[in-house]
Amino acid sequence: MHFMQSLQQAWTGNNSLVCVGLDPEPAKFPAHLKGRADAVFEFCSAIVDATADLVCTYKPQIAHFAALRAEDALERLIAHIHAKHPGVPVILDAKRGDIGSTAQHYVTEAFDRYGADAVTLNPYLGRDSVQPFLDRADKGVILLCHTSNPGAADLQDLDIGGKPLYQHVAQMIARDWNTHGNCALVTGATWPEQLAQVRSLVGDVPLLVPGIGAQGGDVEAVVRNGRTSAGAGLMISSSRAILYAGSGADFAQAARTATIALRDTINRYRQH
């Protein structure tokens, strides 16, 4: 199924705008998993199985797996999500961006090796660097626009002809690059005014919003500034606050409780 169709169905079916970031850090795993050969897969799949009816998407971060030499666990985790929870799409958070044949290899990596439904990309090498991804009309192409980190303003807010660079990026992607309707934008929760500007520029293009929870973004401001007129259009990402909500044998249930709390908070503001 097309990524955007899966996302729409998950928004509706699970009544949720929550994206759970899967960022394994073995030092934070419950004691009973530490030292186990397949701890990364066991931990992440347990989180998924406990929360799949509460989310609109999962977002495994490739560096967290690669640094642990756990790429095989990542492949199996995405396959597990597709097999056990087929209505929930998976975003590979890889922030790729390169030219020519290299970009094509990254397409193969994200969509054919890992089986992801969407991938995050850096658009600042220009359209040709992301065209091979755009051409996969069934897959989601999620492009950095105004990121959540403190240094985002260093470049993304630069004045270009009377308008900040991130607004040029947002407009260009929504107007020119989104020919297959498979584009989304990354807009950080820590910059609510910029989030509102992006939404006003791109219409109903979905926004992936990192930066709530540990990074301090405000849920109410995100929903107020980022939702579409239909009350959706957002993938609000939380990682550490959900993954490590509990540290005992009941860690997956603690993650479920934290996900319910976030979903219900978001939905309360959606109704305002």
Protein backbone atom coordinates (compact mmCIF):
# COMPACT_ATOMS: atom_id res chain seq x y z
CA MET A 1 0.00 0.00 0.00
CA HIS A 2 1.09 3.59 -0.72
CA PHE A 3 2.76 5.18 2.34
CA MET A 4 0.31 8.09 2.37
CA GLN A 5 -2.66 5.71 2.25
CA SER A 6 -1.27 3.70 5.16
CA LEU A 7 -0.65 6.88 7.11
CA GLN A 8 -4.16 8.17 6.51
CA GLN A 9 -5.65 4.86 7.60
CA ALA A 10 -3.53 4.77 10.75
CA TRP A 11 -4.49 8.35 11.64
CA THR A 12 -8.12 7.35 11.41
CA GLY A 13 -8.11 3.74 12.53
CA ASN A 14 -5.92 4.28 15.59
CA ASN A 15 -7.19 7.83 16.18
CA SER A 16 -3.57 8.80 16.69
CA LEU A 17 -0.95 11.27 15.49
CA VAL A 18 1.79 9.58 17.55
CA CYS A 19 5.01 8.44 15.87
CA VAL A 20 7.20 6.25 18.09
CA GLY A 21 10.89 6.67 17.41
CA LEU A 22 12.78 3.40 17.78
CA ASP A 23 16.21 4.48 19.05
CA PRO A 24 17.72 1.52 20.94
CA GLU A 25 20.31 2.28 23.61
CA PRO A 26 21.31 -1.00 25.30
CA ALA A 27 22.61 0.80 28.40
CA LYS A 28 19.01 1.81 29.10
CA PHE A 29 17.49 -1.63 28.50
CA PRO A 30 15.85 -3.52 31.39
CA ALA A 31 18.27 -5.71 33.32
CA HIS A 32 16.81 -8.97 32.02
CA LEU A 33 17.68 -8.00 28.42
CA LYS A 34 21.20 -6.73 28.99
CA GLY A 35 23.81 -9.00 27.50
CA ARG A 36 21.34 -11.03 25.45
CA ALA A 37 22.52 -11.70 21.91
CA ASP A 38 19.32 -10.39 20.30
CA ALA A 39 18.48 -7.73 22.88
CA VAL A 40 17.97 -4.93 20.34
CA PHE A 41 15.32 -6.82 18.41
CA GLU A 42 13.68 -8.19 21.55
CA PHE A 43 13.44 -4.73 23.10
CA CYS A 44 12.16 -2.91 20.02
CA SER A 45 9.70 -5.59 18.94
CA ALA A 46 8.23 -5.71 22.45
CA ILE A 47 7.69 -1.94 22.33
CA VAL A 48 6.04 -2.26 18.91
CA ASP A 49 3.75 -5.10 19.97
CA ALA A 50 2.63 -3.13 23.04
CA THR A 51 1.85 0.10 21.16
CA ALA A 52 0.89 -0.73 17.56
CA ASP A 53 -2.81 0.07 18.05
CA LEU A 54 -1.94 3.50 19.45
CA VAL A 55 0.35 5.01 16.80
CA CYS A 56 0.27 6.27 13.21
CA THR A 57 3.84 5.24 12.34
CA TYR A 58 7.16 3.94 13.68
CA LYS A 59 10.49 5.65 13.01
CA PRO A 60 13.61 3.53 13.59
CA GLN A 61 16.78 5.64 13.56
CA ILE A 62 19.37 3.88 11.45
CA ALA A 63 22.45 5.15 13.31
CA HIS A 64 21.27 3.63 16.58
CA PHE A 65 21.24 0.21 14.89
CA ALA A 66 24.35 0.63 12.74
CA ALA A 67 26.49 1.77 15.67
CA LEU A 68 25.59 -1.49 17.42
CA ARG A 69 26.24 -3.59 14.29
CA ALA A 70 22.54 -4.39 14.53
CA GLU A 71 21.45 -3.76 10.94
CA ASP A 72 20.12 -7.33 10.81
CA ALA A 73 17.93 -6.55 13.82
CA LEU A 74 16.62 -3.47 11.99
CA GLU A 75 15.73 -5.52 8.91
CA ARG A 76 13.91 -8.07 11.05
CA LEU A 77 12.18 -5.37 13.09
CA ILE A 78 10.68 -3.68 10.02
CA ALA A 79 9.64 -7.08 8.66
CA HIS A 80 8.05 -7.85 12.03
CA ILE A 81 6.04 -4.61 11.98
CA HIS A 82 4.79 -5.33 8.46
CA ALA A 83 3.89 -8.93 9.30
CA LYS A 84 2.28 -8.42 12.71
CA HIS A 85 0.91 -4.87 12.37
CA PRO A 86 0.40 -4.34 8.62
CA GLY A 87 -1.62 -1.15 9.00
CA VAL A 88 1.25 0.81 10.54
CA PRO A 89 3.86 2.29 8.15
CA VAL A 90 7.56 2.50 8.97
CA ILE A 91 9.77 5.54 8.38
CA LEU A 92 13.51 4.84 8.15
CA ASP A 93 15.12 7.86 9.80
CA ALA A 94 18.32 8.01 7.77
CA LYS A 95 18.52 11.66 6.58
CA ARG A 96 20.14 10.59 3.35
CA GLY A 97 21.10 12.98 0.58
CA ASP A 98 23.61 12.42 -2.20
CA ILE A 99 23.99 12.67 -5.95
CA GLY A 100 23.47 10.41 -8.95
CA SER A 101 24.10 6.71 -8.59
CA THR A 102 24.82 7.07 -4.87
CA ALA A 103 21.29 8.35 -4.28
CA GLN A 104 19.96 5.33 -6.15
CA HIS A 105 21.91 3.03 -3.83
CA TYR A 106 20.34 4.78 -0.84
CA VAL A 107 16.92 4.15 -2.41
CA THR A 108 17.78 0.46 -2.61
CA GLU A 109 19.01 0.50 0.98
CA ALA A 110 15.88 2.13 2.43
CA PHE A 111 13.15 0.49 0.40
CA ASP A 112 14.54 -2.82 -0.87
CA ARG A 113 17.02 -3.87 1.82
CA TYR A 114 15.16 -2.58 4.87
CA GLY A 115 11.65 -2.56 3.42
CA ALA A 116 10.78 0.85 4.85
CA ASP A 117 7.63 2.64 3.73
CA ALA A 118 9.27 6.09 3.89
CA VAL A 119 12.67 7.64 4.51
CA THR A 120 13.94 10.95 5.83
CA LEU A 121 16.15 12.96 3.46
CA ASN A 122 18.26 16.11 3.44
CA PRO A 123 17.12 18.24 0.47
CA TYR A 124 20.00 20.70 0.51
CA LEU A 125 21.89 19.04 -2.36
CA GLY A 126 18.95 19.90 -4.62
CA ARG A 127 16.27 18.02 -6.46
CA ASP A 128 18.49 15.62 -8.40
CA SER A 129 19.77 14.21 -5.11
CA VAL A 130 16.26 13.18 -4.04
CA GLN A 131 14.70 12.47 -7.46
CA PRO A 132 15.33 8.70 -7.24
CA PHE A 133 13.29 8.69 -4.02
CA LEU A 134 10.56 10.88 -5.47
CA ASP A 135 10.24 8.46 -8.36
CA ARG A 136 9.14 5.71 -5.95
CA ALA A 137 5.57 6.98 -5.91
CA ASP A 138 4.41 4.35 -3.42
CA LYS A 139 7.02 5.38 -0.84
CA GLY A 140 7.11 8.39 1.48
CA VAL A 141 9.80 11.04 1.00
CA ILE A 142 10.19 13.05 4.21
CA LEU A 143 12.44 16.06 3.71
CA LEU A 144 14.16 18.19 6.33
CA CYS A 145 12.69 21.69 6.44
CA HIS A 146 13.07 23.28 9.89
CA THR A 147 14.67 20.82 12.28
CA SER A 148 14.29 20.61 16.07
CA ASN A 149 17.92 21.12 17.11
CA PRO A 150 19.16 24.44 18.58
CA GLY A 151 21.44 25.10 15.60
CA ALA A 152 18.60 24.84 13.08
CA ALA A 153 18.45 28.62 12.76
CA ASP A 154 22.12 28.86 11.75
CA LEU A 155 21.27 28.07 8.13
CA GLN A 156 17.56 27.35 7.88
CA ASP A 157 16.54 30.86 9.00
CA LEU A 158 18.96 32.70 6.71
CA ASP A 159 17.25 35.55 4.86
CA ILE A 160 17.04 34.75 1.16
CA GLY A 161 15.34 37.54 -0.78
CA GLY A 162 13.29 38.67 2.19
CA LYS A 163 12.20 35.18 3.25
CA PRO A 164 13.97 32.57 5.39
CA LEU A 165 15.53 29.64 3.58
CA TYR A 166 13.29 27.02 5.22
CA GLN A 167 10.22 28.72 3.73
CA HIS A 168 11.74 28.55 0.24
CA VAL A 169 12.39 24.84 0.86
CA ALA A 170 8.83 24.22 2.06
CA GLN A 171 7.27 25.99 -0.90
CA MET A 172 9.53 24.36 -3.48
CA ILE A 173 8.86 20.85 -2.18
CA ALA A 174 5.09 21.33 -1.93
CA ARG A 175 4.79 23.10 -5.29
CA ASP A 176 7.41 21.45 -7.50
CA TRP A 177 8.72 18.20 -6.01
CA ASN A 178 5.50 16.62 -4.74
CA THR A 179 4.29 15.46 -8.14
CA HIS A 180 3.36 11.99 -6.84
CA GLY A 181 1.84 13.28 -3.60
CA ASN A 182 4.42 11.33 -1.57
CA CYS A 183 6.30 14.18 0.14
CA ALA A 184 6.25 15.20 3.79
CA LEU A 185 8.37 17.69 5.74
CA VAL A 186 10.32 17.54 8.99
CA THR A 187 9.46 20.51 11.20
CA GLY A 188 10.66 20.59 14.78
CA ALA A 189 8.34 20.97 17.75
CA THR A 190 10.85 23.31 19.37
CA TRP A 191 10.12 26.01 16.75
CA PRO A 192 6.32 26.46 16.90
CA GLU A 193 6.20 29.74 14.95
CA GLN A 194 8.18 28.22 12.09
CA LEU A 195 5.90 25.18 12.23
CA ALA A 196 2.89 27.45 11.73
CA GLN A 197 4.59 29.16 8.79
CA VAL A 198 5.34 25.83 7.14
CA ARG A 199 1.75 24.64 7.55
CA SER A 200 0.45 27.85 5.98
CA LEU A 201 2.76 27.36 2.99
CA VAL A 202 2.26 23.67 2.23
CA GLY A 203 -1.46 23.07 2.73
CA ASP A 204 -2.21 19.50 3.77
CA VAL A 205 1.28 18.08 3.18
CA PRO A 206 2.05 15.87 6.23
CA LEU A 207 4.57 17.08 8.79
CA LEU A 208 6.87 14.85 10.82
CA VAL A 209 7.41 16.69 14.10
CA PRO A 210 10.29 15.61 16.35
CA GLY A 211 11.30 17.42 19.50
CA ILE A 212 8.57 16.89 22.08
CA GLY A 213 9.35 15.12 25.34
CA ALA A 214 13.10 15.05 26.00
CA GLN A 215 13.78 18.01 23.67
CA GLY A 216 11.15 20.19 25.32
CA GLY A 217 8.64 20.83 22.52
CA ASP A 218 5.11 21.75 23.60
CA VAL A 219 2.34 19.41 22.42
CA GLU A 220 -0.40 22.04 22.47
CA ALA A 221 1.67 24.44 20.36
CA VAL A 222 2.49 21.68 17.87
CA VAL A 223 -1.14 20.68 17.40
CA ARG A 224 -2.40 24.26 17.25
CA ASN A 225 0.22 25.35 14.72
CA GLY A 226 0.65 22.18 12.70
CA ARG A 227 -2.67 20.41 12.29
CA THR A 228 -4.62 20.52 9.05
CA SER A 229 -8.19 21.78 8.82
CA ALA A 230 -9.28 18.15 9.23
CA GLY A 231 -7.37 17.93 12.52
CA ALA A 232 -4.66 15.57 11.25
CA GLY A 233 -1.60 16.04 9.03
CA LEU A 234 0.94 15.40 11.80
CA MET A 235 3.29 12.62 12.86
CA ILE A 236 4.32 13.77 16.34
CA SER A 237 7.43 11.82 17.27
CA SER A 238 8.47 10.69 20.72
CA SER A 239 11.35 8.31 21.38
CA ARG A 240 13.03 8.28 24.79
CA ALA A 241 9.92 9.26 26.77
CA ILE A 242 8.14 6.16 25.46
CA LEU A 243 10.96 3.64 25.01
CA TYR A 244 12.40 4.17 28.47
CA ALA A 245 9.22 4.95 30.40
CA GLY A 246 9.91 1.82 32.45
CA SER A 247 13.10 -0.01 33.35
CA GLY A 248 11.78 -3.31 34.68
CA ALA A 249 10.31 -6.46 33.22
CA ASP A 250 7.11 -4.50 32.51
CA PHE A 251 8.93 -1.98 30.25
CA ALA A 252 6.63 -2.65 27.30
CA GLN A 253 3.51 -2.01 29.37
CA ALA A 254 5.10 1.22 30.66
CA ALA A 255 5.73 2.24 27.04
CA ARG A 256 2.09 1.53 26.25
CA THR A 257 0.94 3.68 29.16
CA ALA A 258 3.20 6.54 28.03
CA THR A 259 1.92 6.23 24.45
CA ILE A 260 -1.70 6.34 25.58
CA ALA A 261 -0.96 9.47 27.61
CA LEU A 262 0.67 11.22 24.65
CA ARG A 263 -2.05 10.17 22.20
CA ASP A 264 -4.80 11.37 24.53
CA THR A 265 -3.04 14.68 25.18
CA ILE A 266 -2.66 15.29 21.44
CA ASN A 267 -6.28 14.35 20.79
CA ARG A 268 -7.52 16.71 23.48
CA TYR A 269 -5.84 19.63 21.72
CA ARG A 270 -7.01 18.44 18.28
CA GLN A 271 -10.58 19.03 19.39
CA HIS A 272 -10.01 22.65 20.38
